[in-house]
Amino acid sequence: MSGTPRQHLTFGSRQGALDEAVGRLTEGLPLSFKLRDSSYLGEYYLARPAAPYAASLKLHANRDPVDGQPIRRDAPDQGLILEAEDVADAKALTGLLAQMGFLPLTGNG
């Protein structure tokens, strides 16, 4: 272990619907995403564990299911949000996700 603190990273994508995006992620990463539901996020997909990339990856729409407003108000043009918890290698994960249409949002870290 390098001693580098792990971090939470957030990525956004303008490409496709939630089901299409989880398909891209499943093809590009050897992970299993399970469909979940929450009153705050609505339907979302969770991969836990998400080794070797992160402790977990959570994919959700950037829309509040109640009022339709963006959940990430700093990124209203991003239709999808992918949250990575306890990231092991930020550079590697960022590179892989960029190939699948997910780019880092400002304020990561």
Protein backbone atom coordinates (compact mmCIF):
# COMPACT_ATOMS: atom_id res chain seq x y z
CA MET A 1 0.00 0.00 0.00
CA SER A 2 1.40 3.36 -1.01
CA GLY A 3 0.07 5.36 1.92
CA THR A 4 -1.75 7.71 -0.44
CA PRO A 5 -5.18 8.56 0.96
CA ARG A 6 -8.05 7.18 -1.07
CA GLN A 7 -10.66 9.60 -2.27
CA HIS A 8 -14.22 10.10 -3.40
CA LEU A 9 -14.53 11.04 -7.07
CA THR A 10 -17.57 12.11 -9.04
CA PHE A 11 -17.96 11.80 -12.80
CA GLY A 12 -20.62 13.04 -15.17
CA SER A 13 -21.88 11.92 -18.55
CA ARG A 14 -24.18 13.45 -21.12
CA GLN A 15 -24.42 10.15 -23.02
CA GLY A 16 -27.51 7.97 -22.94
CA ALA A 17 -30.03 6.81 -20.40
CA LEU A 18 -29.30 5.08 -17.10
CA ASP A 19 -29.75 1.56 -18.53
CA GLU A 20 -27.50 2.32 -21.51
CA ALA A 21 -24.80 3.75 -19.27
CA VAL A 22 -24.77 0.78 -16.91
CA GLY A 23 -24.40 -1.42 -19.99
CA ARG A 24 -21.31 0.55 -21.07
CA LEU A 25 -19.86 0.28 -17.57
CA THR A 26 -20.54 -3.44 -17.32
CA GLU A 27 -18.84 -4.03 -20.68
CA GLY A 28 -15.83 -1.86 -19.81
CA LEU A 29 -15.27 -2.90 -16.20
CA PRO A 30 -15.47 -6.45 -14.86
CA LEU A 31 -18.06 -5.44 -12.26
CA SER A 32 -21.63 -6.38 -11.42
CA PHE A 33 -24.08 -3.49 -10.93
CA LYS A 34 -27.32 -4.07 -9.05
CA LEU A 35 -30.41 -1.95 -9.53
CA ARG A 36 -31.52 -0.17 -6.36
CA ASP A 37 -34.09 2.46 -5.48
CA SER A 38 -34.04 5.41 -3.11
CA SER A 39 -36.37 8.29 -2.36
CA TYR A 40 -33.48 10.72 -2.84
CA LEU A 41 -31.93 9.35 -6.06
CA GLY A 42 -34.74 7.32 -7.55
CA GLU A 43 -33.47 4.24 -9.38
CA TYR A 44 -29.69 3.82 -9.34
CA TYR A 45 -27.09 1.13 -9.95
CA LEU A 46 -24.54 0.10 -7.35
CA ALA A 47 -21.38 -1.99 -7.73
CA ARG A 48 -20.07 -3.00 -4.32
CA PRO A 49 -17.39 -4.13 -4.06
CA ALA A 50 -15.88 -2.40 -7.09
CA ALA A 51 -12.35 -3.76 -6.69
CA PRO A 52 -9.75 -3.06 -7.87
CA TYR A 53 -11.04 0.42 -8.74
CA ALA A 54 -12.91 1.60 -5.66
CA ALA A 55 -14.91 0.38 -2.69
CA SER A 56 -18.12 1.15 -4.61
CA LEU A 57 -19.43 2.79 -7.76
CA LYS A 58 -22.91 4.33 -7.80
CA LEU A 59 -24.57 5.40 -11.06
CA HIS A 60 -27.68 7.58 -11.00
CA ALA A 61 -29.55 10.15 -13.04
CA ASN A 62 -28.79 13.78 -12.25
CA ARG A 63 -32.48 14.49 -11.58
CA ASP A 64 -34.26 14.69 -8.27
CA PRO A 65 -37.18 12.23 -8.56
CA VAL A 66 -39.47 14.62 -6.67
CA ASP A 67 -38.89 18.06 -8.20
CA GLY A 68 -36.96 17.19 -11.38
CA GLN A 69 -34.12 19.56 -10.53
CA PRO A 70 -30.48 18.50 -10.97
CA ILE A 71 -29.07 16.68 -7.94
CA ARG A 72 -25.64 18.07 -8.82
CA ARG A 73 -26.58 21.70 -9.38
CA ASP A 74 -22.96 22.47 -10.25
CA ALA A 75 -23.32 20.15 -13.28
CA PRO A 76 -26.86 20.61 -14.62
CA ASP A 77 -25.80 19.62 -18.16
CA GLN A 78 -24.71 16.16 -16.99
CA GLY A 79 -27.59 13.71 -17.30
CA LEU A 80 -25.81 10.95 -15.40
CA ILE A 81 -23.61 10.96 -12.30
CA LEU A 82 -21.18 8.24 -11.28
CA GLU A 83 -19.84 8.38 -7.73
CA ALA A 84 -16.71 6.40 -6.81
CA GLU A 85 -16.04 5.84 -3.10
CA ASP A 86 -12.62 5.06 -1.65
CA VAL A 87 -10.83 5.14 -5.02
CA ALA A 88 -7.61 3.11 -5.15
CA ASP A 89 -6.06 4.59 -8.33
CA ALA A 90 -7.73 7.82 -9.44
CA LYS A 91 -5.68 8.21 -12.62
CA ALA A 92 -6.42 4.69 -13.86
CA LEU A 93 -10.13 4.89 -13.03
CA THR A 94 -10.47 8.32 -14.63
CA GLY A 95 -8.85 7.02 -17.83
CA LEU A 96 -11.10 3.97 -18.02
CA LEU A 97 -14.27 5.96 -17.36
CA ALA A 98 -13.34 8.60 -19.96
CA GLN A 99 -13.37 5.83 -22.58
CA MET A 100 -16.98 5.13 -21.55
CA GLY A 101 -18.11 8.76 -21.71
CA PHE A 102 -17.71 9.71 -18.02
CA LEU A 103 -15.59 12.76 -17.25
CA PRO A 104 -14.52 14.04 -13.83
CA LEU A 105 -16.58 16.86 -12.34
CA THR A 106 -14.90 19.87 -10.79
CA GLY A 107 -14.42 19.73 -7.06
CA ASN A 108 -13.28 16.09 -7.07
CA GLY A 109 -11.04 14.95 -4.33
